[in-house]
Amino acid sequence: MNEYEMSKSKFLKIYANIPIPLRVEIVAVIDDESLSWAACRGEIENNTKRAPKILDQLKHIGVL
């Protein structure tokens, strides 16, 4: 498993434990766009081109 896949797996485990009402909270800003937990999940699950940026930012701020 490469680093991207490990980070993706960590994110999904963390996301599963976030209370549903908090999933609308902003957790990352990518390309001047604020992303909620739910938006990040969609990007990461679909392996978009922004997904690696999101995971890197979440690592940088200590979420992952």
N, C-alpha and C. Protein backbone atom coordinates (compact mmCIF):
# COMPACT_ATOMS: atom_id res chain seq x y z
N MET A 1 0.85 -1.18 0.00
CA MET A 1 0.00 0.00 0.00
C MET A 1 0.90 1.24 0.00
N ASN A 2 0.66 2.15 -0.94
CA ASN A 2 1.49 3.36 -1.02
C ASN A 2 1.01 4.42 -0.02
N GLU A 3 1.75 5.50 0.08
CA GLU A 3 1.46 6.54 1.05
C GLU A 3 0.08 7.16 0.83
N TYR A 4 -0.27 7.39 -0.43
CA TYR A 4 -1.58 7.96 -0.75
C TYR A 4 -2.70 7.06 -0.23
N GLU A 5 -2.60 5.77 -0.51
CA GLU A 5 -3.64 4.83 -0.08
C GLU A 5 -3.71 4.73 1.44
N MET A 6 -2.57 4.81 2.12
CA MET A 6 -2.57 4.78 3.59
C MET A 6 -3.25 6.02 4.14
N SER A 7 -2.93 7.19 3.56
CA SER A 7 -3.56 8.44 4.01
C SER A 7 -5.06 8.40 3.74
N LYS A 8 -5.45 7.88 2.60
CA LYS A 8 -6.87 7.77 2.25
C LYS A 8 -7.59 6.88 3.27
N SER A 9 -6.99 5.76 3.59
CA SER A 9 -7.58 4.84 4.56
C SER A 9 -7.72 5.49 5.93
N LYS A 10 -6.68 6.22 6.37
CA LYS A 10 -6.73 6.93 7.65
C LYS A 10 -7.86 7.95 7.66
N PHE A 11 -7.95 8.72 6.57
CA PHE A 11 -9.00 9.73 6.48
C PHE A 11 -10.37 9.10 6.61
N LEU A 12 -10.61 8.03 5.88
CA LEU A 12 -11.93 7.40 5.89
C LEU A 12 -12.27 6.84 7.27
N LYS A 13 -11.28 6.34 8.00
CA LYS A 13 -11.51 5.86 9.36
C LYS A 13 -11.86 7.02 10.29
N ILE A 14 -11.14 8.12 10.14
CA ILE A 14 -11.42 9.31 10.95
C ILE A 14 -12.81 9.85 10.62
N TYR A 15 -13.10 9.94 9.34
CA TYR A 15 -14.40 10.46 8.89
C TYR A 15 -15.55 9.65 9.48
N ALA A 16 -15.41 8.35 9.52
CA ALA A 16 -16.47 7.49 10.03
C ALA A 16 -16.80 7.79 11.49
N ASN A 17 -15.85 8.35 12.22
CA ASN A 17 -16.06 8.64 13.64
C ASN A 17 -16.46 10.08 13.92
N ILE A 18 -16.59 10.88 12.88
CA ILE A 18 -17.00 12.27 13.06
C ILE A 18 -18.52 12.31 13.14
N PRO A 19 -19.05 12.96 14.18
CA PRO A 19 -20.52 13.05 14.28
C PRO A 19 -21.12 13.71 13.03
N ILE A 20 -22.23 13.21 12.59
CA ILE A 20 -22.85 13.67 11.35
C ILE A 20 -23.04 15.20 11.32
N PRO A 21 -23.50 15.83 12.41
CA PRO A 21 -23.67 17.30 12.33
C PRO A 21 -22.36 18.06 12.08
N LEU A 22 -21.23 17.48 12.46
CA LEU A 22 -19.95 18.17 12.27
C LEU A 22 -19.37 17.99 10.87
N ARG A 23 -19.93 17.12 10.09
CA ARG A 23 -19.39 16.85 8.75
C ARG A 23 -19.56 18.01 7.79
N VAL A 24 -20.34 19.02 8.16
CA VAL A 24 -20.50 20.20 7.31
C VAL A 24 -19.46 21.28 7.65
N GLU A 25 -18.68 21.04 8.69
CA GLU A 25 -17.65 22.00 9.10
C GLU A 25 -16.50 22.03 8.09
N ILE A 26 -15.94 23.21 7.87
CA ILE A 26 -14.82 23.37 6.95
C ILE A 26 -13.56 22.77 7.59
N VAL A 27 -12.85 21.95 6.82
CA VAL A 27 -11.64 21.33 7.34
C VAL A 27 -10.42 21.61 6.47
N ALA A 28 -10.64 22.02 5.22
CA ALA A 28 -9.51 22.27 4.32
C ALA A 28 -9.87 23.39 3.33
N VAL A 29 -8.84 24.07 2.87
CA VAL A 29 -9.01 25.08 1.83
C VAL A 29 -8.03 24.71 0.72
N ILE A 30 -8.58 24.36 -0.43
CA ILE A 30 -7.78 23.94 -1.58
C ILE A 30 -8.12 24.84 -2.76
N ASP A 31 -7.11 25.44 -3.34
CA ASP A 31 -7.31 26.33 -4.50
C ASP A 31 -8.36 27.40 -4.20
N ASP A 32 -8.25 28.01 -3.02
CA ASP A 32 -9.17 29.06 -2.57
C ASP A 32 -10.62 28.61 -2.43
N GLU A 33 -10.84 27.32 -2.27
CA GLU A 33 -12.19 26.80 -2.06
C GLU A 33 -12.22 26.08 -0.72
N SER A 34 -13.15 26.48 0.14
CA SER A 34 -13.31 25.85 1.44
C SER A 34 -14.05 24.52 1.27
N LEU A 35 -13.51 23.49 1.91
CA LEU A 35 -14.11 22.16 1.79
C LEU A 35 -14.49 21.62 3.16
N SER A 36 -15.69 21.09 3.26
CA SER A 36 -16.16 20.46 4.49
C SER A 36 -15.61 19.04 4.56
N TRP A 37 -15.82 18.43 5.71
CA TRP A 37 -15.44 17.02 5.84
C TRP A 37 -16.11 16.19 4.74
N ALA A 38 -17.39 16.44 4.53
CA ALA A 38 -18.15 15.66 3.53
C ALA A 38 -17.62 15.89 2.13
N ALA A 39 -17.29 17.13 1.79
CA ALA A 39 -16.74 17.43 0.47
C ALA A 39 -15.38 16.76 0.29
N CYS A 40 -14.57 16.78 1.33
CA CYS A 40 -13.27 16.11 1.28
C CYS A 40 -13.45 14.62 1.05
N ARG A 41 -14.42 14.05 1.74
CA ARG A 41 -14.68 12.61 1.57
C ARG A 41 -15.03 12.30 0.11
N GLY A 42 -15.88 13.10 -0.48
CA GLY A 42 -16.25 12.88 -1.87
C GLY A 42 -15.05 12.97 -2.79
N GLU A 43 -14.20 13.96 -2.59
CA GLU A 43 -13.00 14.12 -3.42
C GLU A 43 -12.07 12.93 -3.25
N ILE A 44 -11.87 12.52 -2.00
CA ILE A 44 -10.92 11.43 -1.71
C ILE A 44 -11.46 10.09 -2.19
N GLU A 45 -12.72 9.81 -1.95
CA GLU A 45 -13.29 8.53 -2.40
C GLU A 45 -13.27 8.40 -3.92
N ASN A 46 -13.40 9.53 -4.62
CA ASN A 46 -13.42 9.50 -6.09
C ASN A 46 -12.05 9.72 -6.71
N ASN A 47 -11.02 9.80 -5.86
CA ASN A 47 -9.64 9.96 -6.33
C ASN A 47 -9.49 11.09 -7.34
N THR A 48 -10.07 12.25 -7.00
CA THR A 48 -9.95 13.39 -7.90
C THR A 48 -8.53 13.95 -7.85
N LYS A 49 -8.24 14.90 -8.73
CA LYS A 49 -6.89 15.47 -8.74
C LYS A 49 -6.64 16.31 -7.49
N ARG A 50 -7.72 16.75 -6.80
CA ARG A 50 -7.54 17.50 -5.56
C ARG A 50 -7.34 16.60 -4.35
N ALA A 51 -7.66 15.33 -4.45
CA ALA A 51 -7.57 14.42 -3.31
C ALA A 51 -6.17 14.39 -2.68
N PRO A 52 -5.09 14.27 -3.46
CA PRO A 52 -3.76 14.28 -2.83
C PRO A 52 -3.46 15.60 -2.11
N LYS A 53 -3.93 16.72 -2.67
CA LYS A 53 -3.73 18.02 -2.03
C LYS A 53 -4.46 18.07 -0.69
N ILE A 54 -5.67 17.55 -0.68
CA ILE A 54 -6.47 17.53 0.55
C ILE A 54 -5.77 16.70 1.61
N LEU A 55 -5.34 15.52 1.24
CA LEU A 55 -4.67 14.64 2.20
C LEU A 55 -3.38 15.27 2.71
N ASP A 56 -2.63 15.92 1.83
CA ASP A 56 -1.40 16.60 2.26
C ASP A 56 -1.71 17.71 3.26
N GLN A 57 -2.75 18.48 2.98
CA GLN A 57 -3.11 19.57 3.89
C GLN A 57 -3.57 19.01 5.23
N LEU A 58 -4.34 17.95 5.22
CA LEU A 58 -4.80 17.36 6.47
C LEU A 58 -3.63 16.79 7.29
N LYS A 59 -2.63 16.27 6.60
CA LYS A 59 -1.42 15.80 7.30
C LYS A 59 -0.69 17.01 7.90
N HIS A 60 -0.59 18.07 7.14
CA HIS A 60 0.13 19.26 7.57
C HIS A 60 -0.49 19.88 8.82
N ILE A 61 -1.82 19.87 8.91
CA ILE A 61 -2.47 20.46 10.08
C ILE A 61 -2.65 19.47 11.22
N GLY A 62 -2.21 18.24 11.03
CA GLY A 62 -2.23 17.25 12.11
C GLY A 62 -3.49 16.42 12.24
N VAL A 63 -4.34 16.47 11.23
CA VAL A 63 -5.56 15.65 11.27
C VAL A 63 -5.22 14.20 10.97
N LEU A 64 -4.28 13.99 10.06
CA LEU A 64 -3.85 12.63 9.71
C LEU A 64 -2.50 12.34 10.30
